[in-house]
Each structure stands twice: as C-alpha cells, then as structure tokens.
N, C-alpha and C. Protein backbone atom coordinates (compact mmCIF):
# COMPACT_ATOMS: atom_id res chain seq x y z
N MET A 1 131.45 105.28 53.44
CA MET A 1 130.52 106.28 52.98
C MET A 1 129.15 105.60 52.87
N ASP A 2 128.19 106.20 53.49
CA ASP A 2 126.85 105.60 53.43
C ASP A 2 126.08 106.14 52.23
N ASP A 3 124.91 105.66 52.04
CA ASP A 3 124.08 106.01 50.89
C ASP A 3 123.77 107.51 50.82
N LEU A 4 123.46 108.09 51.93
CA LEU A 4 123.11 109.52 51.98
C LEU A 4 124.30 110.38 51.58
N GLN A 5 125.44 110.08 52.10
CA GLN A 5 126.65 110.83 51.76
C GLN A 5 127.00 110.66 50.28
N PHE A 6 126.81 109.43 49.79
CA PHE A 6 127.10 109.16 48.39
C PHE A 6 126.17 109.98 47.49
N ARG A 7 124.86 110.02 47.80
CA ARG A 7 123.91 110.79 47.00
C ARG A 7 124.25 112.29 47.04
N GLU A 8 124.61 112.81 48.21
CA GLU A 8 124.98 114.23 48.32
C GLU A 8 126.24 114.53 47.50
N ALA A 9 127.20 113.66 47.54
CA ALA A 9 128.43 113.85 46.76
C ALA A 9 128.11 113.81 45.27
N ARG A 10 127.25 112.87 44.90
CA ARG A 10 126.86 112.77 43.50
C ARG A 10 126.14 114.03 43.03
N GLN A 11 125.24 114.57 43.86
CA GLN A 11 124.51 115.80 43.52
C GLN A 11 125.48 116.98 43.37
N ARG A 12 126.44 117.05 44.28
CA ARG A 12 127.44 118.13 44.18
C ARG A 12 128.24 118.00 42.90
N ILE A 13 128.64 116.80 42.56
CA ILE A 13 129.41 116.58 41.34
C ILE A 13 128.57 116.94 40.13
N CYS A 14 127.31 116.59 40.12
CA CYS A 14 126.43 116.94 39.00
C CYS A 14 126.28 118.47 38.90
N ARG A 15 126.15 119.14 40.03
CA ARG A 15 126.07 120.61 40.01
C ARG A 15 127.37 121.21 39.48
N TRP A 16 128.50 120.67 39.89
CA TRP A 16 129.79 121.17 39.40
C TRP A 16 129.90 120.98 37.88
N ILE A 17 129.44 119.81 37.42
CA ILE A 17 129.48 119.54 35.98
C ILE A 17 128.59 120.53 35.24
N ASP A 18 127.37 120.75 35.77
CA ASP A 18 126.45 121.71 35.14
C ASP A 18 127.05 123.12 35.17
N ASP A 19 127.60 123.51 36.32
CA ASP A 19 128.21 124.84 36.44
C ASP A 19 129.43 124.97 35.54
N SER A 20 130.22 123.92 35.46
CA SER A 20 131.44 124.00 34.64
C SER A 20 131.09 124.10 33.17
N ALA A 21 129.97 123.55 32.75
CA ALA A 21 129.55 123.69 31.35
C ALA A 21 129.33 125.16 31.03
N GLY A 22 128.72 125.87 31.95
CA GLY A 22 128.53 127.31 31.75
C GLY A 22 129.85 128.05 31.73
N VAL A 23 130.75 127.64 32.59
CA VAL A 23 132.08 128.28 32.62
C VAL A 23 132.83 127.99 31.33
N PHE A 24 132.80 126.74 30.89
CA PHE A 24 133.49 126.38 29.65
C PHE A 24 132.87 127.08 28.45
N ALA A 25 131.56 127.28 28.47
CA ALA A 25 130.90 127.98 27.37
C ALA A 25 131.33 129.45 27.36
N ALA A 26 131.65 130.03 28.51
CA ALA A 26 132.04 131.43 28.60
C ALA A 26 133.49 131.64 28.18
N ILE A 27 134.31 130.61 28.21
CA ILE A 27 135.73 130.76 27.90
C ILE A 27 135.95 131.28 26.48
N PRO A 28 135.32 130.74 25.42
CA PRO A 28 135.54 131.32 24.08
C PRO A 28 135.11 132.79 24.00
N VAL A 29 134.02 133.12 24.66
CA VAL A 29 133.57 134.52 24.67
C VAL A 29 134.61 135.40 25.35
N ILE A 30 135.14 134.95 26.45
CA ILE A 30 136.15 135.71 27.18
C ILE A 30 137.42 135.84 26.35
N LEU A 31 137.83 134.76 25.69
CA LEU A 31 139.03 134.81 24.85
C LEU A 31 138.82 135.74 23.65
N HIS A 32 137.63 135.69 23.05
CA HIS A 32 137.33 136.60 21.93
C HIS A 32 137.36 138.05 22.42
N GLU A 33 136.77 138.31 23.57
CA GLU A 33 136.77 139.68 24.13
C GLU A 33 138.20 140.12 24.44
N HIS A 34 139.01 139.21 24.96
CA HIS A 34 140.42 139.51 25.24
C HIS A 34 141.15 139.90 23.96
N ASP A 35 140.94 139.12 22.88
CA ASP A 35 141.59 139.43 21.60
C ASP A 35 141.12 140.79 21.07
N ARG A 36 139.81 141.05 21.15
CA ARG A 36 139.27 142.33 20.69
C ARG A 36 139.86 143.49 21.48
N LEU A 37 139.93 143.33 22.80
CA LEU A 37 140.50 144.39 23.64
C LEU A 37 141.99 144.57 23.38
N ARG A 38 142.70 143.49 23.10
CA ARG A 38 144.13 143.56 22.80
C ARG A 38 144.34 144.35 21.49
N GLU A 39 143.49 144.08 20.49
CA GLU A 39 143.59 144.81 19.23
C GLU A 39 143.31 146.29 19.44
N ARG A 40 142.30 146.60 20.25
CA ARG A 40 141.99 148.01 20.53
C ARG A 40 143.14 148.67 21.27
N LEU A 41 143.74 147.94 22.21
CA LEU A 41 144.89 148.48 22.94
C LEU A 41 146.04 148.77 21.99
N ASP A 42 146.33 147.82 21.10
CA ASP A 42 147.41 148.02 20.13
C ASP A 42 147.13 149.23 19.24
N ALA A 43 145.90 149.33 18.75
CA ALA A 43 145.53 150.47 17.90
C ALA A 43 145.63 151.77 18.67
N THR A 44 145.22 151.75 19.93
CA THR A 44 145.29 152.96 20.76
C THR A 44 146.74 153.35 21.03
N GLU A 45 147.58 152.36 21.27
CA GLU A 45 149.00 152.65 21.49
C GLU A 45 149.65 153.22 20.23
N ARG A 46 149.29 152.69 19.05
CA ARG A 46 149.82 153.24 17.80
C ARG A 46 149.34 154.68 17.60
N ALA A 47 148.06 154.91 17.88
CA ALA A 47 147.51 156.27 17.74
C ALA A 47 148.18 157.21 18.73
N ALA A 48 148.41 156.75 19.95
CA ALA A 48 149.07 157.59 20.95
C ALA A 48 150.49 157.91 20.53
N ALA A 49 151.20 156.93 19.98
CA ALA A 49 152.58 157.18 19.52
C ALA A 49 152.57 158.18 18.37
N ARG A 50 151.60 158.03 17.44
CA ARG A 50 151.49 158.95 16.32
C ARG A 50 151.17 160.36 16.82
N LEU A 51 150.25 160.47 17.78
CA LEU A 51 149.90 161.78 18.33
C LEU A 51 151.07 162.39 19.09
N LEU A 52 151.81 161.58 19.81
CA LEU A 52 152.98 162.08 20.53
C LEU A 52 154.01 162.63 19.55
N GLN A 53 154.21 161.91 18.44
CA GLN A 53 155.13 162.39 17.41
C GLN A 53 154.64 163.71 16.84
N GLU A 54 153.33 163.80 16.60
CA GLU A 54 152.76 165.04 16.06
C GLU A 54 152.92 166.19 17.06
N VAL A 55 152.69 165.90 18.34
CA VAL A 55 152.86 166.93 19.37
C VAL A 55 154.30 167.41 19.40
N ASN A 56 155.24 166.48 19.34
CA ASN A 56 156.65 166.85 19.35
C ASN A 56 157.01 167.68 18.12
N ASP A 57 156.49 167.28 16.95
CA ASP A 57 156.73 168.06 15.73
C ASP A 57 156.15 169.46 15.87
N LEU A 58 154.95 169.55 16.40
CA LEU A 58 154.31 170.86 16.58
C LEU A 58 155.05 171.72 17.59
N ARG A 59 155.59 171.09 18.63
CA ARG A 59 156.38 171.85 19.61
C ARG A 59 157.63 172.43 18.95
N ARG A 60 158.29 171.61 18.12
CA ARG A 60 159.47 172.11 17.42
C ARG A 60 159.09 173.25 16.48
N GLU A 61 157.98 173.09 15.78
CA GLU A 61 157.52 174.14 14.87
C GLU A 61 157.16 175.40 15.66
N LEU A 62 156.51 175.23 16.81
CA LEU A 62 156.16 176.38 17.64
C LEU A 62 157.42 177.09 18.13
N ASP A 63 158.42 176.33 18.55
CA ASP A 63 159.68 176.94 18.98
C ASP A 63 160.31 177.75 17.85
N ALA A 64 160.30 177.17 16.64
CA ALA A 64 160.88 177.88 15.49
C ALA A 64 160.09 179.15 15.19
N LEU A 65 158.75 179.05 15.25
CA LEU A 65 157.93 180.22 14.98
C LEU A 65 158.09 181.30 16.05
N GLN A 66 158.23 180.87 17.30
CA GLN A 66 158.45 181.85 18.37
C GLN A 66 159.79 182.55 18.19
N SER A 67 160.81 181.80 17.78
CA SER A 67 162.11 182.41 17.52
C SER A 67 162.01 183.40 16.37
N GLU A 68 161.32 182.99 15.31
CA GLU A 68 161.13 183.88 14.16
C GLU A 68 160.36 185.13 14.57
N ASN A 69 159.34 184.95 15.39
CA ASN A 69 158.53 186.08 15.86
C ASN A 69 159.39 187.06 16.68
N GLU A 70 160.22 186.54 17.55
CA GLU A 70 161.11 187.40 18.34
C GLU A 70 162.09 188.15 17.45
N ARG A 71 162.63 187.44 16.44
CA ARG A 71 163.55 188.09 15.52
C ARG A 71 162.84 189.22 14.76
N LEU A 72 161.63 188.95 14.31
CA LEU A 72 160.87 189.98 13.58
C LEU A 72 160.53 191.17 14.48
N ARG A 73 160.23 190.89 15.73
CA ARG A 73 159.96 192.00 16.67
C ARG A 73 161.21 192.86 16.86
N ARG A 74 162.36 192.21 17.02
CA ARG A 74 163.61 192.96 17.16
C ARG A 74 163.87 193.78 15.90
N ASP A 75 163.65 193.16 14.73
CA ASP A 75 163.84 193.89 13.48
C ASP A 75 162.90 195.09 13.39
N ARG A 76 161.66 194.91 13.82
CA ARG A 76 160.68 196.01 13.77
C ARG A 76 161.11 197.15 14.68
N VAL A 77 161.58 196.83 15.88
CA VAL A 77 162.04 197.87 16.80
C VAL A 77 163.25 198.59 16.21
N GLU A 78 164.17 197.82 15.66
CA GLU A 78 165.37 198.43 15.05
C GLU A 78 164.98 199.33 13.87
N THR A 79 164.06 198.86 13.03
CA THR A 79 163.60 199.66 11.89
C THR A 79 162.93 200.94 12.37
N ALA A 80 162.09 200.82 13.39
CA ALA A 80 161.41 202.01 13.92
C ALA A 80 162.42 203.01 14.46
N GLU A 81 163.45 202.52 15.14
CA GLU A 81 164.48 203.43 15.66
C GLU A 81 165.24 204.10 14.52
N LEU A 82 165.58 203.33 13.48
CA LEU A 82 166.29 203.91 12.34
C LEU A 82 165.43 204.95 11.63
N LEU A 83 164.15 204.65 11.44
CA LEU A 83 163.26 205.61 10.80
C LEU A 83 163.10 206.87 11.65
N THR A 84 162.98 206.67 12.95
CA THR A 84 162.85 207.82 13.85
C THR A 84 164.09 208.70 13.78
N ASP A 85 165.27 208.08 13.82
CA ASP A 85 166.52 208.84 13.73
C ASP A 85 166.60 209.57 12.39
N GLY A 86 166.28 208.87 11.30
CA GLY A 86 166.34 209.48 9.98
C GLY A 86 165.36 210.63 9.83
N LEU A 87 164.14 210.44 10.29
CA LEU A 87 163.15 211.51 10.21
C LEU A 87 163.54 212.70 11.08
N ASN A 88 164.10 212.43 12.25
CA ASN A 88 164.56 213.54 13.11
C ASN A 88 165.65 214.35 12.41
N ARG A 89 166.57 213.64 11.73
CA ARG A 89 167.63 214.36 11.02
C ARG A 89 167.05 215.20 9.88
N VAL A 90 166.13 214.62 9.13
CA VAL A 90 165.51 215.35 8.01
C VAL A 90 164.77 216.57 8.54
N LEU A 91 164.00 216.39 9.62
CA LEU A 91 163.25 217.52 10.19
C LEU A 91 164.19 218.59 10.74
N GLN A 92 165.24 218.17 11.43
CA GLN A 92 166.20 219.15 11.95
C GLN A 92 166.87 219.91 10.81
N ASP A 93 167.23 219.19 9.75
CA ASP A 93 167.84 219.86 8.59
C ASP A 93 166.86 220.84 7.95
N ALA A 94 165.59 220.44 7.84
CA ALA A 94 164.58 221.32 7.25
C ALA A 94 164.37 222.56 8.12
N ILE A 95 164.34 222.37 9.42
CA ILE A 95 164.16 223.50 10.34
C ILE A 95 165.34 224.46 10.22
N LEU A 96 166.56 223.92 10.17
CA LEU A 96 167.74 224.77 10.03
C LEU A 96 167.69 225.56 8.73
N ARG A 97 167.27 224.94 7.63
CA ARG A 97 167.17 225.63 6.35
C ARG A 97 166.10 226.71 6.39
N LEU A 98 164.97 226.37 7.02
CA LEU A 98 163.91 227.37 7.13
C LEU A 98 164.36 228.57 7.96
N ARG A 99 165.04 228.30 9.04
CA ARG A 99 165.54 229.39 9.88
C ARG A 99 166.57 230.23 9.12
N ALA A 100 167.42 229.54 8.40
CA ALA A 100 168.46 230.25 7.64
C ALA A 100 167.83 231.11 6.55
N SER A 101 166.83 230.60 5.87
CA SER A 101 166.20 231.40 4.81
C SER A 101 165.38 232.54 5.40
N ALA A 102 164.85 232.36 6.57
CA ALA A 102 164.08 233.43 7.21
C ALA A 102 165.02 234.53 7.69
N ALA A 103 166.25 234.19 8.01
CA ALA A 103 167.21 235.18 8.50
C ALA A 103 167.85 235.96 7.36
N ARG A 104 167.80 235.51 6.14
CA ARG A 104 168.39 236.22 5.01
C ARG A 104 167.57 237.49 4.68
N PRO A 105 168.27 238.48 4.23
CA PRO A 105 167.54 239.69 3.80
C PRO A 105 166.78 239.43 2.52
N ASP A 106 165.84 240.27 2.22
CA ASP A 106 165.00 240.14 1.03
C ASP A 106 165.80 240.25 -0.26
N VAL A 107 166.99 240.76 -0.19
CA VAL A 107 167.79 240.97 -1.38
C VAL A 107 168.20 239.63 -2.00
N ASP A 108 168.28 238.62 -1.21
CA ASP A 108 168.73 237.33 -1.71
C ASP A 108 167.62 236.63 -2.49
N ARG A 109 166.44 237.20 -2.43
CA ARG A 109 165.34 236.53 -3.10
C ARG A 109 165.39 236.84 -4.59
N GLU A 110 164.74 235.99 -5.35
CA GLU A 110 164.67 236.18 -6.81
C GLU A 110 163.89 237.46 -7.08
N PRO A 111 164.31 238.20 -8.06
CA PRO A 111 163.59 239.43 -8.38
C PRO A 111 162.21 239.11 -8.97
N SER A 112 161.28 239.96 -8.70
CA SER A 112 159.93 239.78 -9.22
C SER A 112 159.74 240.72 -10.40
N PHE A 113 159.25 240.28 -11.54
CA PHE A 113 159.07 241.08 -12.73
C PHE A 113 157.60 241.34 -12.98
N SER A 114 156.91 241.73 -12.03
CA SER A 114 155.50 242.01 -12.25
C SER A 114 155.21 243.48 -12.35
C-alpha cells in the first residue's frame, strides 16, 4: 500500500468514525421512540379490547331489546284484536237490544203520570 492509498483509507476511516458517532447518538433516541411507541401500542390494544367488549355487550343488549320489542308488538296486536272482538260483541249486543226494544209495542213502556 503506498502513501496515497494509505491516506485515502485513513480519510475513509475518519469519515466512518464521524458518521458512526452520529449513528450512535441516534440509537438512544430511536430506542426511546421505540419504547414510547410500544407503550402507545399496548394502550391502544387495551382500549381496543375494552371497546370490543363494550360492543359485544351492546350487541347482546340490543338483541335482548329487539326481542322484547317484538314481544311487545305481538302483545299489542293481540290486545288490539281482543279489544276489537270485545267491542264488536258489545256493539252487536247493544244493537240487538235496541232493535228488540224498538219492536216492542208501546204497552211495554212505563206508564207516564203527567
């Protein structure tokens, strides 16, 4: 190796040393950022698990409420049908009584003392 090659090799080594100092200085920053991001990831995963549990709970609650709503709708329809049938019977009975009383002669009425 001649003098020129030796000087060039030395300059390259000095540049590598200077560059590596910058790289080594960045390593703690990178490690700190890695730790910070890891903590955020862990917190995000915990929050996601908590939200997933909440979503599942809400889905179960929604299913129960939808079932209750359907049951109440069926009950309302059944009640409306029963009321309709009952009112129809009462009205038919009233109509029959009115017709029967209209067909009776006036003699069946209470006497008037005026």
